[in-house]
PDB file of N, CA and C in Angstrom:
ATOM      1  N   MET A   1       0.712  -0.674  -0.513  1.00  0.00           N
ATOM      2  CA  MET A   1      -0.430  -0.186  -0.225  1.00  0.00           C
ATOM      3  C   MET A   1       0.522   1.455  -0.086  1.00  0.00           C
ATOM      4  N   LYS A   2       0.661   2.560  -0.676  1.00  0.00           N
ATOM      5  CA  LYS A   2       1.284   3.185  -1.072  1.00  0.00           C
ATOM      6  C   LYS A   2       1.635   4.510   0.018  1.00  0.00           C
ATOM      7  N   VAL A   3       1.975   5.180   0.469  1.00  0.00           N
ATOM      8  CA  VAL A   3       2.047   5.874   2.036  1.00  0.00           C
ATOM      9  C   VAL A   3       1.694   7.081   1.687  1.00  0.00           C
ATOM     10  N   ARG A   4       0.122   7.933   1.735  1.00  0.00           N
ATOM     11  CA  ARG A   4       0.542   9.270   0.916  1.00  0.00           C
ATOM     12  C   ARG A   4       0.762  10.343   1.835  1.00  0.00           C
ATOM     13  N   LYS A   5       1.377  11.110   1.122  1.00  0.00           N
ATOM     14  CA  LYS A   5       1.566  12.449   1.922  1.00  0.00           C
ATOM     15  C   LYS A   5       0.219  13.403   2.027  1.00  0.00           C
ATOM     16  N   ILE A   6       0.935  13.873   3.726  1.00  0.00           N
ATOM     17  CA  ILE A   6       0.059  15.177   4.756  1.00  0.00           C
ATOM     18  C   ILE A   6       0.355  15.748   4.221  1.00  0.00           C
ATOM     19  N   PRO A   7      -0.477  16.759   3.209  1.00  0.00           N
ATOM     20  CA  PRO A   7      -0.871  18.456   3.444  1.00  0.00           C
ATOM     21  C   PRO A   7      -0.224  19.669   4.572  1.00  0.00           C
ATOM     22  N   GLN A   8       0.946  20.271   4.542  1.00  0.00           N
ATOM     23  CA  GLN A   8       1.403  20.814   5.316  1.00  0.00           C
ATOM     24  C   GLN A   8       0.787  22.387   4.608  1.00  0.00           C
ATOM     25  N   ARG A   9       0.567  22.878   5.873  1.00  0.00           N
ATOM     26  CA  ARG A   9       0.367  24.261   5.778  1.00  0.00           C
ATOM     27  C   ARG A   9       0.757  25.113   6.786  1.00  0.00           C
ATOM     28  N   MET A  10       1.323  27.086   6.489  1.00  0.00           N
ATOM     29  CA  MET A  10       1.890  26.944   7.505  1.00  0.00           C
ATOM     30  C   MET A  10       1.057  28.804   8.239  1.00  0.00           C
ATOM     31  N   CYS A  11       0.768  27.946  10.112  1.00  0.00           N
ATOM     32  CA  CYS A  11      -0.198  29.200  10.605  1.00  0.00           C
ATOM     33  C   CYS A  11       0.249  30.364  10.517  1.00  0.00           C
ATOM     34  N   THR A  12      -0.649  31.330  10.710  1.00  0.00           N
ATOM     35  CA  THR A  12      -0.335  32.257   9.765  1.00  0.00           C
ATOM     36  C   THR A  12       0.312  33.532  11.551  1.00  0.00           C
ATOM     37  N   GLY A  13      -0.217  32.550  12.262  1.00  0.00           N
ATOM     38  CA  GLY A  13      -0.154  33.623  14.014  1.00  0.00           C
ATOM     39  C   GLY A  13       1.443  33.369  13.702  1.00  0.00           C
ATOM     40  N   CYS A  14       1.939  31.790  14.532  1.00  0.00           N
ATOM     41  CA  CYS A  14       3.130  30.729  14.710  1.00  0.00           C
ATOM     42  C   CYS A  14       4.086  31.099  13.647  1.00  0.00           C
ATOM     43  N   GLY A  15       3.530  30.828  12.531  1.00  0.00           N
ATOM     44  CA  GLY A  15       4.638  30.720  10.958  1.00  0.00           C
ATOM     45  C   GLY A  15       5.393  29.509  11.285  1.00  0.00           C
ATOM     46  N   GLU A  16       4.488  28.692  12.116  1.00  0.00           N
ATOM     47  CA  GLU A  16       5.208  26.913  12.104  1.00  0.00           C
ATOM     48  C   GLU A  16       4.282  26.162  11.047  1.00  0.00           C
ATOM     49  N   MET A  17       4.909  25.014  10.114  1.00  0.00           N
ATOM     50  CA  MET A  17       4.153  24.192   8.987  1.00  0.00           C
ATOM     51  C   MET A  17       3.515  23.234  10.265  1.00  0.00           C
ATOM     52  N   LYS A  18       2.522  22.642   9.756  1.00  0.00           N
ATOM     53  CA  LYS A  18       1.425  21.819  10.236  1.00  0.00           C
ATOM     54  C   LYS A  18       0.739  21.135   9.781  1.00  0.00           C
ATOM     55  N   ASN A  19      -0.015  20.036  10.000  1.00  0.00           N
ATOM     56  CA  ASN A  19      -0.649  19.396   9.323  1.00  0.00           C
ATOM     57  C   ASN A  19      -2.165  20.128   9.295  1.00  0.00           C
ATOM     58  N   LYS A  20      -2.784  20.185   7.425  1.00  0.00           N
ATOM     59  CA  LYS A  20      -3.707  21.092   6.893  1.00  0.00           C
ATOM     60  C   LYS A  20      -4.988  20.469   7.797  1.00  0.00           C
ATOM     61  N   ARG A  21      -4.937  19.498   8.331  1.00  0.00           N
ATOM     62  CA  ARG A  21      -6.021  19.371   8.629  1.00  0.00           C
ATOM     63  C   ARG A  21      -6.005  19.500   9.785  1.00  0.00           C
ATOM     64  N   ASP A  22      -5.334  19.740  11.089  1.00  0.00           N
ATOM     65  CA  ASP A  22      -4.950  20.610  12.003  1.00  0.00           C
ATOM     66  C   ASP A  22      -5.058  22.512  12.221  1.00  0.00           C
ATOM     67  N   LEU A  23      -5.677  22.742  10.856  1.00  0.00           N
ATOM     68  CA  LEU A  23      -5.921  24.360  11.299  1.00  0.00           C
ATOM     69  C   LEU A  23      -7.066  24.345  10.877  1.00  0.00           C
ATOM     70  N   ILE A  24      -7.528  25.438  11.105  1.00  0.00           N
ATOM     71  CA  ILE A  24      -7.955  26.824  10.570  1.00  0.00           C
ATOM     72  C   ILE A  24      -8.240  27.216   9.273  1.00  0.00           C
ATOM     73  N   ARG A  25      -9.377  27.236   8.467  1.00  0.00           N
ATOM     74  CA  ARG A  25      -8.703  28.535   7.383  1.00  0.00           C
ATOM     75  C   ARG A  25     -10.072  28.817   6.566  1.00  0.00           C
ATOM     76  N   VAL A  26      -9.420  30.108   6.742  1.00  0.00           N
ATOM     77  CA  VAL A  26     -10.099  31.622   6.165  1.00  0.00           C
ATOM     78  C   VAL A  26      -9.984  32.201   4.685  1.00  0.00           C
ATOM     79  N   VAL A  27     -11.771  32.385   4.005  1.00  0.00           N
ATOM     80  CA  VAL A  27     -10.827  32.066   2.938  1.00  0.00           C
ATOM     81  C   VAL A  27     -11.657  34.237   2.170  1.00  0.00           C
ATOM     82  N   ARG A  28     -11.005  34.054   1.250  1.00  0.00           N
ATOM     83  CA  ARG A  28     -11.895  34.705   0.470  1.00  0.00           C
ATOM     84  C   ARG A  28     -12.210  34.283  -0.178  1.00  0.00           C
ATOM     85  N   SER A  29     -13.426  34.744  -1.351  1.00  0.00           N
ATOM     86  CA  SER A  29     -14.129  34.659  -2.468  1.00  0.00           C
ATOM     87  C   SER A  29     -13.657  35.398  -3.647  1.00  0.00           C
ATOM     88  N   LYS A  30     -14.181  34.794  -4.534  1.00  0.00           N
ATOM     89  CA  LYS A  30     -13.691  35.784  -5.613  1.00  0.00           C
ATOM     90  C   LYS A  30     -14.619  37.194  -5.452  1.00  0.00           C
ATOM     91  N   GLU A  31     -15.548  37.116  -4.741  1.00  0.00           N
ATOM     92  CA  GLU A  31     -16.525  38.462  -4.647  1.00  0.00           C
ATOM     93  C   GLU A  31     -15.817  39.293  -3.203  1.00  0.00           C
ATOM     94  N   GLY A  32     -15.083  38.528  -2.659  1.00  0.00           N
ATOM     95  CA  GLY A  32     -14.276  39.542  -1.787  1.00  0.00           C
ATOM     96  C   GLY A  32     -15.358  38.907  -0.514  1.00  0.00           C
ATOM     97  N   GLU A  33     -16.450  37.902  -0.716  1.00  0.00           N
ATOM     98  CA  GLU A  33     -17.094  37.288   0.932  1.00  0.00           C
ATOM     99  C   GLU A  33     -15.600  36.718   1.910  1.00  0.00           C
ATOM    100  N   ILE A  34     -15.803  37.204   2.990  1.00  0.00           N
ATOM    101  CA  ILE A  34     -14.492  36.087   3.530  1.00  0.00           C
ATOM    102  C   ILE A  34     -15.705  35.296   4.481  1.00  0.00           C
ATOM    103  N   SER A  35     -15.443  34.246   4.600  1.00  0.00           N
ATOM    104  CA  SER A  35     -15.980  33.246   5.499  1.00  0.00           C
ATOM    105  C   SER A  35     -15.012  32.630   6.331  1.00  0.00           C
ATOM    106  N   ILE A  36     -15.343  31.285   7.340  1.00  0.00           N
ATOM    107  CA  ILE A  36     -14.225  30.047   7.853  1.00  0.00           C
ATOM    108  C   ILE A  36     -14.262  28.568   7.186  1.00  0.00           C
ATOM    109  N   ASP A  37     -13.744  28.506   7.209  1.00  0.00           N
ATOM    110  CA  ASP A  37     -14.010  27.327   6.728  1.00  0.00           C
ATOM    111  C   ASP A  37     -13.319  25.783   7.318  1.00  0.00           C
ATOM    112  N   LEU A  38     -14.460  25.551   7.468  1.00  0.00           N
ATOM    113  CA  LEU A  38     -13.723  24.345   8.467  1.00  0.00           C
ATOM    114  C   LEU A  38     -13.614  22.438   7.889  1.00  0.00           C
ATOM    115  N   LYS A  39     -13.943  22.444   6.680  1.00  0.00           N
ATOM    116  CA  LYS A  39     -13.907  21.324   5.852  1.00  0.00           C
ATOM    117  C   LYS A  39     -11.885  21.684   5.237  1.00  0.00           C
ATOM    118  N   GLY A  40     -11.852  22.555   4.435  1.00  0.00           N
ATOM    119  CA  GLY A  40     -10.524  23.360   3.929  1.00  0.00           C
ATOM    120  C   GLY A  40     -11.401  23.011   2.445  1.00  0.00           C
ATOM    121  N   LYS A  41     -12.124  23.062   1.817  1.00  0.00           N
ATOM    122  CA  LYS A  41     -12.929  22.764   0.386  1.00  0.00           C
ATOM    123  C   LYS A  41     -13.467  23.999   0.035  1.00  0.00           C
ATOM    124  N   LYS A  42     -13.540  24.423   0.334  1.00  0.00           N
ATOM    125  CA  LYS A  42     -14.162  26.100  -0.018  1.00  0.00           C
ATOM    126  C   LYS A  42     -13.367  27.041  -1.415  1.00  0.00           C
ATOM    127  N   PRO A  43     -13.804  26.858  -2.890  1.00  0.00           N
ATOM    128  CA  PRO A  43     -13.187  28.107  -3.421  1.00  0.00           C
ATOM    129  C   PRO A  43     -12.643  29.189  -3.380  1.00  0.00           C
ATOM    130  N   GLY A  44     -11.127  28.967  -3.536  1.00  0.00           N
ATOM    131  CA  GLY A  44     -11.074  30.768  -3.143  1.00  0.00           C
ATOM    132  C   GLY A  44      -8.973  30.979  -2.110  1.00  0.00           C
ATOM    133  N   ARG A  45      -8.958  32.639  -2.304  1.00  0.00           N
ATOM    134  CA  ARG A  45      -7.754  32.658  -1.424  1.00  0.00           C
ATOM    135  C   ARG A  45      -7.837  31.788   0.226  1.00  0.00           C
ATOM    136  N   GLY A  46      -7.143  31.107   0.355  1.00  0.00           N
ATOM    137  CA  GLY A  46      -7.105  30.897   2.099  1.00  0.00           C
ATOM    138  C   GLY A  46      -6.166  31.650   2.755  1.00  0.00           C
ATOM    139  N   ALA A  47      -5.612  31.057   4.513  1.00  0.00           N
ATOM    140  CA  ALA A  47      -5.333  31.532   4.803  1.00  0.00           C
ATOM    141  C   ALA A  47      -5.610  30.620   6.157  1.00  0.00           C
ATOM    142  N   TYR A  48      -4.409  30.209   6.947  1.00  0.00           N
ATOM    143  CA  TYR A  48      -4.524  28.415   7.940  1.00  0.00           C
ATOM    144  C   TYR A  48      -3.488  29.349   9.564  1.00  0.00           C
ATOM    145  N   ILE A  49      -5.240  29.565  10.060  1.00  0.00           N
ATOM    146  CA  ILE A  49      -4.335  29.639  11.823  1.00  0.00           C
ATOM    147  C   ILE A  49      -4.891  28.421  12.517  1.00  0.00           C
ATOM    148  N   CYS A  50      -3.768  28.208  13.542  1.00  0.00           N
ATOM    149  CA  CYS A  50      -3.793  26.835  14.237  1.00  0.00           C
ATOM    150  C   CYS A  50      -5.152  27.446  15.788  1.00  0.00           C
ATOM    151  N   ARG A  51      -5.190  26.082  16.285  1.00  0.00           N
ATOM    152  CA  ARG A  51      -6.314  25.887  16.636  1.00  0.00           C
ATOM    153  C   ARG A  51      -6.145  26.422  18.082  1.00  0.00           C
ATOM    154  N   SER A  52      -5.535  27.537  18.295  1.00  0.00           N
ATOM    155  CA  SER A  52      -4.850  28.055  20.075  1.00  0.00           C
ATOM    156  C   SER A  52      -5.303  29.527  20.193  1.00  0.00           C
ATOM    157  N   MET A  53      -5.597  30.197  20.813  1.00  0.00           N
ATOM    158  CA  MET A  53      -6.095  31.683  21.113  1.00  0.00           C
ATOM    159  C   MET A  53      -4.654  32.498  20.947  1.00  0.00           C
ATOM    160  N   GLU A  54      -3.921  31.699  22.087  1.00  0.00           N
ATOM    161  CA  GLU A  54      -2.519  32.404  21.656  1.00  0.00           C
ATOM    162  C   GLU A  54      -2.049  32.761  20.190  1.00  0.00           C
ATOM    163  N   CYS A  55      -2.279  31.968  18.631  1.00  0.00           N
ATOM    164  CA  CYS A  55      -1.655  31.946  17.603  1.00  0.00           C
ATOM    165  C   CYS A  55      -2.644  33.221  17.244  1.00  0.00           C
ATOM    166  N   LEU A  56      -4.296  33.363  17.282  1.00  0.00           N
ATOM    167  CA  LEU A  56      -4.990  34.159  16.534  1.00  0.00           C
ATOM    168  C   LEU A  56      -3.951  35.697  17.363  1.00  0.00           C
ATOM    169  N   ASN A  57      -4.666  35.686  18.454  1.00  0.00           N
ATOM    170  CA  ASN A  57      -4.051  37.283  19.127  1.00  0.00           C
ATOM    171  C   ASN A  57      -2.378  37.501  18.393  1.00  0.00           C
ATOM    172  N   LYS A  58      -1.479  36.492  18.145  1.00  0.00           N
ATOM    173  CA  LYS A  58      -0.819  36.874  17.057  1.00  0.00           C
ATOM    174  C   LYS A  58      -1.045  37.730  15.776  1.00  0.00           C
ATOM    175  N   ALA A  59      -1.385  36.716  15.107  1.00  0.00           N
ATOM    176  CA  ALA A  59      -2.358  37.185  13.743  1.00  0.00           C
ATOM    177  C   ALA A  59      -3.184  38.259  13.808  1.00  0.00           C
ATOM    178  N   ILE A  60      -3.956  38.637  14.762  1.00  0.00           N
ATOM    179  CA  ILE A  60      -4.722  40.264  14.764  1.00  0.00           C
ATOM    180  C   ILE A  60      -3.902  41.255  15.152  1.00  0.00           C
ATOM    181  N   LYS A  61      -2.801  40.595  16.064  1.00  0.00           N
ATOM    182  CA  LYS A  61      -1.674  41.563  16.897  1.00  0.00           C
ATOM    183  C   LYS A  61      -1.081  42.357  15.136  1.00  0.00           C
ATOM    184  N   THR A  62      -0.589  41.745  14.464  1.00  0.00           N
ATOM    185  CA  THR A  62       0.049  42.034  13.196  1.00  0.00           C
ATOM    186  C   THR A  62      -0.381  42.409  12.120  1.00  0.00           C
ATOM    187  N   ASN A  63      -1.630  41.887  12.302  1.00  0.00           N
ATOM    188  CA  ASN A  63      -2.583  41.747  10.858  1.00  0.00           C
ATOM    189  C   ASN A  63      -2.242  40.924   9.358  1.00  0.00           C
ATOM    190  N   ARG A  64      -2.030  39.754  10.274  1.00  0.00           N
ATOM    191  CA  ARG A  64      -0.941  38.708   9.164  1.00  0.00           C
ATOM    192  C   ARG A  64      -2.635  37.732   7.612  1.00  0.00           C
ATOM    193  N   LEU A  65      -3.571  37.634   8.896  1.00  0.00           N
ATOM    194  CA  LEU A  65      -4.564  37.098   8.280  1.00  0.00           C
ATOM    195  C   LEU A  65      -5.508  38.541   7.157  1.00  0.00           C
ATOM    196  N   GLU A  66      -5.162  39.781   7.717  1.00  0.00           N
ATOM    197  CA  GLU A  66      -5.408  40.603   6.034  1.00  0.00           C
ATOM    198  C   GLU A  66      -4.698  40.659   5.288  1.00  0.00           C
ATOM    199  N   LYS A  67      -3.433  40.693   6.112  1.00  0.00           N
ATOM    200  CA  LYS A  67      -2.225  40.689   4.726  1.00  0.00           C
ATOM    201  C   LYS A  67      -2.235  39.550   3.301  1.00  0.00           C
ATOM    202  N   ASN A  68      -2.811  38.281   4.427  1.00  0.00           N
ATOM    203  CA  ASN A  68      -2.548  37.207   3.657  1.00  0.00           C
ATOM    204  C   ASN A  68      -3.637  37.046   2.424  1.00  0.00           C
ATOM    205  N   LEU A  69      -4.623  37.714   3.267  1.00  0.00           N
ATOM    206  CA  LEU A  69      -6.065  36.970   2.331  1.00  0.00           C
ATOM    207  C   LEU A  69      -6.221  38.666   1.731  1.00  0.00           C
ATOM    208  N   GLU A  70      -5.001  39.684   1.913  1.00  0.00           N
ATOM    209  CA  GLU A  70      -5.258  40.769   0.516  1.00  0.00           C
ATOM    210  C   GLU A  70      -7.180  41.647   1.034  1.00  0.00           C
ATOM    211  N   VAL A  71      -7.179  41.784   1.950  1.00  0.00           N
ATOM    212  CA  VAL A  71      -8.215  42.264   2.028  1.00  0.00           C
ATOM    213  C   VAL A  71      -8.420  42.899   4.314  1.00  0.00           C
ATOM    214  N   LYS A  72      -9.596  44.035   3.901  1.00  0.00           N
ATOM    215  CA  LYS A  72      -9.527  44.118   5.073  1.00  0.00           C
ATOM    216  C   LYS A  72     -10.540  43.772   6.057  1.00  0.00           C
ATOM    217  N   LEU A  73     -10.497  43.106   7.214  1.00  0.00           N
ATOM    218  CA  LEU A  73     -11.409  42.207   8.004  1.00  0.00           C
ATOM    219  C   LEU A  73     -12.536  42.965   8.952  1.00  0.00           C
ATOM    220  N   ASP A  74     -13.315  42.788   9.300  1.00  0.00           N
ATOM    221  CA  ASP A  74     -14.497  42.787  10.395  1.00  0.00           C
ATOM    222  C   ASP A  74     -13.846  42.282  11.274  1.00  0.00           C
ATOM    223  N   ALA A  75     -14.286  42.725  12.500  1.00  0.00           N
ATOM    224  CA  ALA A  75     -14.476  42.466  13.613  1.00  0.00           C
ATOM    225  C   ALA A  75     -14.987  41.188  13.397  1.00  0.00           C
ATOM    226  N   SER A  76     -16.665  41.162  13.035  1.00  0.00           N
ATOM    227  CA  SER A  76     -17.103  39.731  13.230  1.00  0.00           C
ATOM    228  C   SER A  76     -16.453  38.817  12.676  1.00  0.00           C
ATOM    229  N   ILE A  77     -16.062  38.670  11.712  1.00  0.00           N
ATOM    230  CA  ILE A  77     -14.919  37.529  11.405  1.00  0.00           C
ATOM    231  C   ILE A  77     -13.592  36.870  12.382  1.00  0.00           C
ATOM    232  N   TYR A  78     -13.371  38.260  13.592  1.00  0.00           N
ATOM    233  CA  TYR A  78     -12.032  37.718  14.608  1.00  0.00           C
ATOM    234  C   TYR A  78     -13.280  36.727  15.581  1.00  0.00           C
ATOM    235  N   ASP A  79     -14.310  37.603  15.968  1.00  0.00           N
ATOM    236  CA  ASP A  79     -14.965  37.130  16.589  1.00  0.00           C
ATOM    237  C   ASP A  79     -15.824  35.151  15.879  1.00  0.00           C
ATOM    238  N   ARG A  80     -15.746  35.219  15.365  1.00  0.00           N
ATOM    239  CA  ARG A  80     -16.447  33.810  15.044  1.00  0.00           C
ATOM    240  C   ARG A  80     -15.488  32.967  15.201  1.00  0.00           C
ATOM    241  N   LEU A  81     -14.259  33.765  15.050  1.00  0.00           N
ATOM    242  CA  LEU A  81     -12.888  32.551  14.993  1.00  0.00           C
ATOM    243  C   LEU A  81     -12.578  32.706  16.108  1.00  0.00           C
ATOM    244  N   LYS A  82     -12.944  32.960  17.564  1.00  0.00           N
ATOM    245  CA  LYS A  82     -12.778  33.392  18.771  1.00  0.00           C
ATOM    246  C   LYS A  82     -13.606  31.910  19.039  1.00  0.00           C
ATOM    247  N   ASP A  83     -14.766  31.838  18.623  1.00  0.00           N
ATOM    248  CA  ASP A  83     -16.300  31.549  19.188  1.00  0.00           C
ATOM    249  C   ASP A  83     -15.456  29.682  18.582  1.00  0.00           C
ATOM    250  N   GLU A  84     -14.934  29.504  17.365  1.00  0.00           N
ATOM    251  CA  GLU A  84     -14.610  28.188  17.166  1.00  0.00           C
ATOM    252  C   GLU A  84     -13.637  27.824  17.683  1.00  0.00           C
ATOM    253  N   LEU A  85     -12.500  28.488  18.891  1.00  0.00           N
ATOM    254  CA  LEU A  85     -11.531  28.349  19.441  1.00  0.00           C
ATOM    255  C   LEU A  85     -12.037  28.441  20.969  1.00  0.00           C
ATOM    256  N   SER A  86     -12.994  28.450  20.996  1.00  0.00           N
ATOM    257  CA  SER A  86     -13.278  28.375  21.944  1.00  0.00           C
ATOM    258  C   SER A  86     -14.115  27.086  22.475  1.00  0.00           C
ATOM    259  N   LEU A  87     -14.872  26.883  21.553  1.00  0.00           N
ATOM    260  CA  LEU A  87     -15.133  25.108  21.425  1.00  0.00           C
ATOM    261  C   LEU A  87     -14.582  24.086  20.865  1.00  0.00           C
ATOM    262  N   ASP A  88     -13.540  24.647  20.069  1.00  0.00           N
ATOM    263  CA  ASP A  88     -12.179  23.108  20.230  1.00  0.00           C
ATOM    264  C   ASP A  88     -11.775  22.972  21.460  1.00  0.00           C
ATOM    265  N   GLU A  89     -11.952  23.898  23.109  1.00  0.00           N
ATOM    266  CA  GLU A  89     -11.122  23.789  24.358  1.00  0.00           C
ATOM    267  C   GLU A  89     -12.102  23.240  25.236  1.00  0.00           C
TER     268      GLU A  89
END
């Protein structure tokens, strides 16, 4: 049986390479709509973040999500990410 590669992505908060399935994806569609993609399948430009509040706070402080998605984010996106992270803990 062939061994499959596990896709790796970089967290925008800490900058570490981690398994794609362990990260949360934030997506910007062609229309400019921002959404949280838990399955990792939505089309559009994506940015990944660890499932830790510390990484989210780093990403907010340095505006890394906005830079990666090339768009200004509303506070509602950050609130939804915080809610998602609080559910994981």
